[in-house]
Every structure is written in C-alpha cells, then in structure tokens.
PDB file of all heavy atoms in Angstrom:
ATOM      1  N   LEU A   1      14.095   7.015   0.793  1.00  0.00           N
ATOM      2  CA  LEU A   1      14.588   6.302   1.962  1.00  0.00           C
ATOM      3  C   LEU A   1      14.984   7.260   3.076  1.00  0.00           C
ATOM      4  O   LEU A   1      15.586   8.306   2.825  1.00  0.00           O
ATOM      5  CB  LEU A   1      15.794   5.433   1.586  1.00  0.00           C
ATOM      6  CG  LEU A   1      15.593   4.434   0.450  1.00  0.00           C
ATOM      7  CD1 LEU A   1      16.887   3.662   0.193  1.00  0.00           C
ATOM      8  CD2 LEU A   1      14.448   3.472   0.755  1.00  0.00           C
ATOM      9  N   TYR A   2      14.662   6.874   4.290  1.00  0.00           N
ATOM     10  CA  TYR A   2      15.115   7.621   5.460  1.00  0.00           C
ATOM     11  C   TYR A   2      16.578   7.318   5.754  1.00  0.00           C
ATOM     12  O   TYR A   2      17.344   8.201   6.132  1.00  0.00           O
ATOM     13  CB  TYR A   2      14.235   7.247   6.665  1.00  0.00           C
ATOM     14  CG  TYR A   2      14.733   7.758   7.989  1.00  0.00           C
ATOM     15  CD1 TYR A   2      14.636   9.117   8.309  1.00  0.00           C
ATOM     16  CD2 TYR A   2      15.294   6.889   8.926  1.00  0.00           C
ATOM     17  CE1 TYR A   2      15.094   9.595   9.540  1.00  0.00           C
ATOM     18  CE2 TYR A   2      15.755   7.360  10.153  1.00  0.00           C
ATOM     19  CZ  TYR A   2      15.652   8.706  10.449  1.00  0.00           C
ATOM     20  OH  TYR A   2      16.105   9.176  11.663  1.00  0.00           O
ATOM     21  N   PHE A   3      16.958   6.050   5.530  1.00  0.00           N
ATOM     22  CA  PHE A   3      18.339   5.636   5.790  1.00  0.00           C
ATOM     23  C   PHE A   3      18.599   4.339   5.038  1.00  0.00           C
ATOM     24  O   PHE A   3      17.703   3.508   4.874  1.00  0.00           O
ATOM     25  CB  PHE A   3      18.547   5.410   7.301  1.00  0.00           C
ATOM     26  CG  PHE A   3      19.927   4.911   7.660  1.00  0.00           C
ATOM     27  CD1 PHE A   3      20.991   5.797   7.763  1.00  0.00           C
ATOM     28  CD2 PHE A   3      20.162   3.554   7.876  1.00  0.00           C
ATOM     29  CE1 PHE A   3      22.269   5.337   8.087  1.00  0.00           C
ATOM     30  CE2 PHE A   3      21.430   3.088   8.203  1.00  0.00           C
ATOM     31  CZ  PHE A   3      22.481   3.985   8.308  1.00  0.00           C
ATOM     32  N   TRP A   4      19.834   4.185   4.576  1.00  0.00           N
ATOM     33  CA  TRP A   4      20.250   2.895   4.019  1.00  0.00           C
ATOM     34  C   TRP A   4      21.751   2.761   4.183  1.00  0.00           C
ATOM     35  O   TRP A   4      22.480   3.730   4.327  1.00  0.00           O
ATOM     36  CB  TRP A   4      19.845   2.756   2.546  1.00  0.00           C
ATOM     37  CG  TRP A   4      20.674   3.550   1.573  1.00  0.00           C
ATOM     38  CD1 TRP A   4      20.485   4.848   1.207  1.00  0.00           C
ATOM     39  CD2 TRP A   4      21.823   3.083   0.846  1.00  0.00           C
ATOM     40  NE1 TRP A   4      21.431   5.241   0.297  1.00  0.00           N
ATOM     41  CE2 TRP A   4      22.279   4.169   0.051  1.00  0.00           C
ATOM     42  CE3 TRP A   4      22.507   1.871   0.768  1.00  0.00           C
ATOM     43  CZ2 TRP A   4      23.382   4.075  -0.797  1.00  0.00           C
ATOM     44  CZ3 TRP A   4      23.603   1.773  -0.061  1.00  0.00           C
ATOM     45  CH2 TRP A   4      24.031   2.857  -0.838  1.00  0.00           C
ATOM     46  N   LEU A   5      22.196   1.526   4.187  1.00  0.00           N
ATOM     47  CA  LEU A   5      23.634   1.261   4.174  1.00  0.00           C
ATOM     48  C   LEU A   5      23.865  -0.103   3.547  1.00  0.00           C
ATOM     49  O   LEU A   5      22.961  -0.933   3.450  1.00  0.00           O
ATOM     50  CB  LEU A   5      24.245   1.342   5.570  1.00  0.00           C
ATOM     51  CG  LEU A   5      23.826   0.365   6.674  1.00  0.00           C
ATOM     52  CD1 LEU A   5      24.435  -1.014   6.511  1.00  0.00           C
ATOM     53  CD2 LEU A   5      24.238   0.915   8.035  1.00  0.00           C
ATOM     54  N   SER A   6      25.093  -0.319   3.110  1.00  0.00           N
ATOM     55  CA  SER A   6      25.505  -1.612   2.574  1.00  0.00           C
ATOM     56  C   SER A   6      26.850  -1.957   3.179  1.00  0.00           C
ATOM     57  O   SER A   6      27.853  -1.311   2.885  1.00  0.00           O
ATOM     58  CB  SER A   6      25.595  -1.567   1.042  1.00  0.00           C
ATOM     59  OG  SER A   6      25.998  -2.823   0.528  1.00  0.00           O
ATOM     60  N   GLU A   7      26.853  -2.945   4.057  1.00  0.00           N
ATOM     61  CA  GLU A   7      28.082  -3.391   4.702  1.00  0.00           C
ATOM     62  C   GLU A   7      27.891  -4.819   5.196  1.00  0.00           C
ATOM     63  O   GLU A   7      26.767  -5.287   5.372  1.00  0.00           O
ATOM     64  CB  GLU A   7      28.445  -2.480   5.881  1.00  0.00           C
ATOM     65  CG  GLU A   7      27.455  -2.523   7.020  1.00  0.00           C
ATOM     66  CD  GLU A   7      27.831  -1.603   8.173  1.00  0.00           C
ATOM     67  OE1 GLU A   7      28.612  -0.664   7.962  1.00  0.00           O
ATOM     68  OE2 GLU A   7      27.314  -1.833   9.302  1.00  0.00           O
ATOM     69  N   LYS A   8      28.971  -5.508   5.403  1.00  0.00           N
ATOM     70  CA  LYS A   8      28.917  -6.882   5.859  1.00  0.00           C
ATOM     71  C   LYS A   8      28.271  -6.947   7.241  1.00  0.00           C
ATOM     72  O   LYS A   8      28.525  -6.099   8.099  1.00  0.00           O
ATOM     73  CB  LYS A   8      30.327  -7.478   5.912  1.00  0.00           C
ATOM     74  CG  LYS A   8      30.362  -8.961   6.230  1.00  0.00           C
ATOM     75  CD  LYS A   8      31.781  -9.506   6.174  1.00  0.00           C
ATOM     76  CE  LYS A   8      31.808 -11.006   6.484  1.00  0.00           C
ATOM     77  NZ  LYS A   8      33.190 -11.549   6.440  1.00  0.00           N
ATOM     78  N   ASP A   9      27.419  -7.940   7.442  1.00  0.00           N
ATOM     79  CA  ASP A   9      26.805  -8.143   8.749  1.00  0.00           C
ATOM     80  C   ASP A   9      26.834  -9.626   9.083  1.00  0.00           C
ATOM     81  O   ASP A   9      27.347 -10.438   8.306  1.00  0.00           O
ATOM     82  CB  ASP A   9      25.370  -7.593   8.784  1.00  0.00           C
ATOM     83  CG  ASP A   9      24.485  -8.154   7.685  1.00  0.00           C
ATOM     84  OD1 ASP A   9      24.525  -9.383   7.457  1.00  0.00           O
ATOM     85  OD2 ASP A   9      23.756  -7.379   7.042  1.00  0.00           O
ATOM     86  N   SER A  10      26.273  -9.970  10.224  1.00  0.00           N
ATOM     87  CA  SER A  10      26.292 -11.369  10.663  1.00  0.00           C
ATOM     88  C   SER A  10      24.992 -12.085  10.383  1.00  0.00           C
ATOM     89  O   SER A  10      24.729 -13.144  10.953  1.00  0.00           O
ATOM     90  CB  SER A  10      26.623 -11.449  12.164  1.00  0.00           C
ATOM     91  OG  SER A  10      25.650 -10.767  12.932  1.00  0.00           O
ATOM     92  N   GLY A  11      24.171 -11.522   9.496  1.00  0.00           N
ATOM     93  CA  GLY A  11      22.941 -12.204   9.124  1.00  0.00           C
ATOM     94  C   GLY A  11      21.729 -11.303   9.221  1.00  0.00           C
ATOM     95  O   GLY A  11      21.815 -10.109   9.553  1.00  0.00           O
ATOM     96  N   GLN A  12      20.573 -11.895   8.950  1.00  0.00           N
ATOM     97  CA  GLN A  12      19.322 -11.142   8.876  1.00  0.00           C
ATOM     98  C   GLN A  12      18.982 -10.442  10.190  1.00  0.00           C
ATOM     99  O   GLN A  12      18.572  -9.281  10.196  1.00  0.00           O
ATOM    100  CB  GLN A  12      18.191 -12.090   8.470  1.00  0.00           C
ATOM    101  CG  GLN A  12      16.859 -11.416   8.230  1.00  0.00           C
ATOM    102  CD  GLN A  12      15.777 -12.419   7.864  1.00  0.00           C
ATOM    103  OE1 GLN A  12      15.963 -13.626   7.944  1.00  0.00           O
ATOM    104  NE2 GLN A  12      14.630 -11.907   7.460  1.00  0.00           N
ATOM    105  N   SER A  13      19.146 -11.138  11.306  1.00  0.00           N
ATOM    106  CA  SER A  13      18.815 -10.532  12.601  1.00  0.00           C
ATOM    107  C   SER A  13      19.673  -9.308  12.863  1.00  0.00           C
ATOM    108  O   SER A  13      19.177  -8.278  13.356  1.00  0.00           O
ATOM    109  CB  SER A  13      18.997 -11.555  13.729  1.00  0.00           C
ATOM    110  OG  SER A  13      18.119 -12.643  13.572  1.00  0.00           O
ATOM    111  N   ASP A  14      20.950  -9.402  12.551  1.00  0.00           N
ATOM    112  CA  ASP A  14      21.864  -8.274  12.736  1.00  0.00           C
ATOM    113  C   ASP A  14      21.435  -7.097  11.867  1.00  0.00           C
ATOM    114  O   ASP A  14      21.435  -5.936  12.318  1.00  0.00           O
ATOM    115  CB  ASP A  14      23.291  -8.710  12.395  1.00  0.00           C
ATOM    116  CG  ASP A  14      24.330  -7.632  12.687  1.00  0.00           C
ATOM    117  OD1 ASP A  14      24.099  -6.808  13.586  1.00  0.00           O
ATOM    118  OD2 ASP A  14      25.384  -7.629  12.016  1.00  0.00           O
ATOM    119  N   ALA A  15      21.062  -7.373  10.626  1.00  0.00           N
ATOM    120  CA  ALA A  15      20.633  -6.305   9.716  1.00  0.00           C
ATOM    121  C   ALA A  15      19.372  -5.618  10.233  1.00  0.00           C
ATOM    122  O   ALA A  15      19.271  -4.383  10.217  1.00  0.00           O
ATOM    123  CB  ALA A  15      20.386  -6.884   8.324  1.00  0.00           C
ATOM    124  N   ILE A  16      18.408  -6.401  10.707  1.00  0.00           N
ATOM    125  CA  ILE A  16      17.164  -5.817  11.227  1.00  0.00           C
ATOM    126  C   ILE A  16      17.458  -4.967  12.462  1.00  0.00           C
ATOM    127  O   ILE A  16      16.900  -3.881  12.629  1.00  0.00           O
ATOM    128  CB  ILE A  16      16.144  -6.923  11.539  1.00  0.00           C
ATOM    129  CG1 ILE A  16      15.725  -7.627  10.241  1.00  0.00           C
ATOM    130  CG2 ILE A  16      14.915  -6.356  12.245  1.00  0.00           C
ATOM    131  CD1 ILE A  16      14.969  -8.916  10.448  1.00  0.00           C
ATOM    132  N   ASN A  17      18.350  -5.447  13.325  1.00  0.00           N
ATOM    133  CA  ASN A  17      18.722  -4.665  14.513  1.00  0.00           C
ATOM    134  C   ASN A  17      19.343  -3.326  14.132  1.00  0.00           C
ATOM    135  O   ASN A  17      19.074  -2.299  14.770  1.00  0.00           O
ATOM    136  CB  ASN A  17      19.694  -5.456  15.385  1.00  0.00           C
ATOM    137  CG  ASN A  17      19.024  -6.570  16.160  1.00  0.00           C
ATOM    138  OD1 ASN A  17      17.806  -6.563  16.365  1.00  0.00           O
ATOM    139  ND2 ASN A  17      19.808  -7.536  16.594  1.00  0.00           N
ATOM    140  N   LYS A  18      20.172  -3.336  13.101  1.00  0.00           N
ATOM    141  CA  LYS A  18      20.763  -2.070  12.644  1.00  0.00           C
ATOM    142  C   LYS A  18      19.666  -1.090  12.224  1.00  0.00           C
ATOM    143  O   LYS A  18      19.742   0.108  12.524  1.00  0.00           O
ATOM    144  CB  LYS A  18      21.721  -2.322  11.480  1.00  0.00           C
ATOM    145  CG  LYS A  18      23.020  -3.012  11.874  1.00  0.00           C
ATOM    146  CD  LYS A  18      23.913  -3.231  10.649  1.00  0.00           C
ATOM    147  CE  LYS A  18      25.215  -3.915  11.031  1.00  0.00           C
ATOM    148  NZ  LYS A  18      26.101  -4.142   9.856  1.00  0.00           N
ATOM    149  N   GLY A  19      18.679  -1.596  11.522  1.00  0.00           N
ATOM    150  CA  GLY A  19      17.561  -0.749  11.131  1.00  0.00           C
ATOM    151  C   GLY A  19      16.751  -0.288  12.326  1.00  0.00           C
ATOM    152  O   GLY A  19      16.322   0.874  12.394  1.00  0.00           O
ATOM    153  N   LEU A  20      16.552  -1.190  13.282  1.00  0.00           N
ATOM    154  CA  LEU A  20      15.799  -0.859  14.494  1.00  0.00           C
ATOM    155  C   LEU A  20      16.452   0.287  15.253  1.00  0.00           C
ATOM    156  O   LEU A  20      15.776   1.177  15.782  1.00  0.00           O
ATOM    157  CB  LEU A  20      15.690  -2.099  15.378  1.00  0.00           C
ATOM    158  CG  LEU A  20      14.975  -1.938  16.725  1.00  0.00           C
ATOM    159  CD1 LEU A  20      13.506  -1.597  16.504  1.00  0.00           C
ATOM    160  CD2 LEU A  20      15.103  -3.213  17.555  1.00  0.00           C
ATOM    161  N   HIS A  21      17.770   0.285  15.299  1.00  0.00           N
ATOM    162  CA  HIS A  21      18.490   1.328  16.038  1.00  0.00           C
ATOM    163  C   HIS A  21      18.371   2.702  15.366  1.00  0.00           C
ATOM    164  O   HIS A  21      18.573   3.726  16.018  1.00  0.00           O
ATOM    165  CB  HIS A  21      19.967   0.944  16.174  1.00  0.00           C
ATOM    166  CG  HIS A  21      20.171  -0.314  16.955  1.00  0.00           C
ATOM    167  ND1 HIS A  21      21.343  -1.041  16.913  1.00  0.00           N
ATOM    168  CD2 HIS A  21      19.336  -0.998  17.804  1.00  0.00           C
ATOM    169  CE1 HIS A  21      21.233  -2.103  17.689  1.00  0.00           C
ATOM    170  NE2 HIS A  21      20.032  -2.098  18.231  1.00  0.00           N
ATOM    171  N   LYS A  22      18.050   2.704  14.076  1.00  0.00           N
ATOM    172  CA  LYS A  22      17.852   3.966  13.354  1.00  0.00           C
ATOM    173  C   LYS A  22      16.385   4.404  13.346  1.00  0.00           C
ATOM    174  O   LYS A  22      16.087   5.568  13.074  1.00  0.00           O
ATOM    175  CB  LYS A  22      18.324   3.823  11.910  1.00  0.00           C
ATOM    176  CG  LYS A  22      19.836   3.678  11.754  1.00  0.00           C
ATOM    177  CD  LYS A  22      20.546   4.974  12.085  1.00  0.00           C
ATOM    178  CE  LYS A  22      22.049   4.868  11.850  1.00  0.00           C
ATOM    179  NZ  LYS A  22      22.738   6.143  12.185  1.00  0.00           N
ATOM    180  N   ALA A  23      15.488   3.479  13.641  1.00  0.00           N
ATOM    181  CA  ALA A  23      14.053   3.724  13.488  1.00  0.00           C
ATOM    182  C   ALA A  23      13.534   4.720  14.520  1.00  0.00           C
ATOM    183  O   ALA A  23      13.917   4.685  15.689  1.00  0.00           O
ATOM    184  CB  ALA A  23      13.296   2.406  13.619  1.00  0.00           C
ATOM    185  N   THR A  24      12.646   5.601  14.076  1.00  0.00           N
ATOM    186  CA  THR A  24      12.002   6.568  14.967  1.00  0.00           C
ATOM    187  C   THR A  24      10.480   6.475  14.884  1.00  0.00           C
ATOM    188  O   THR A  24       9.775   7.309  15.454  1.00  0.00           O
ATOM    189  CB  THR A  24      12.440   8.003  14.630  1.00  0.00           C
ATOM    190  OG1 THR A  24      11.964   8.354  13.320  1.00  0.00           O
ATOM    191  CG2 THR A  24      13.954   8.152  14.679  1.00  0.00           C
ATOM    192  N   GLY A  25       9.962   5.492  14.173  1.00  0.00           N
ATOM    193  CA  GLY A  25       8.524   5.368  13.990  1.00  0.00           C
ATOM    194  C   GLY A  25       7.803   4.887  15.238  1.00  0.00           C
ATOM    195  O   GLY A  25       8.402   4.302  16.144  1.00  0.00           O
ATOM    196  N   ASP A  26       6.494   5.108  15.268  1.00  0.00           N
ATOM    197  CA  ASP A  26       5.646   4.613  16.358  1.00  0.00           C
ATOM    198  C   ASP A  26       5.317   3.136  16.149  1.00  0.00           C
ATOM    199  O   ASP A  26       5.121   2.395  17.113  1.00  0.00           O
ATOM    200  CB  ASP A  26       4.340   5.412  16.406  1.00  0.00           C
ATOM    201  CG  ASP A  26       4.593   6.906  16.484  1.00  0.00           C
ATOM    202  OD1 ASP A  26       5.187   7.338  17.489  1.00  0.00           O
ATOM    203  OD2 ASP A  26       4.213   7.621  15.533  1.00  0.00           O
TER     204      ASP A  26
END
C-alpha cells in the first residue's frame, strides 16, 4: 500500500475524497 488509514468519516464519498487528496497517479 502507498497509504492507508482507519478513522471515522462521513461516508463513502468522504473516504474517497481522502484517498483522492493523497493520490499522485496519472
């Protein structure tokens, strides 16, 4: 894994956004 975390969020969209903010892919 490049990155992972486990913490409370406000749902699927919030979780995907967190991943998006870490993403560096094309």
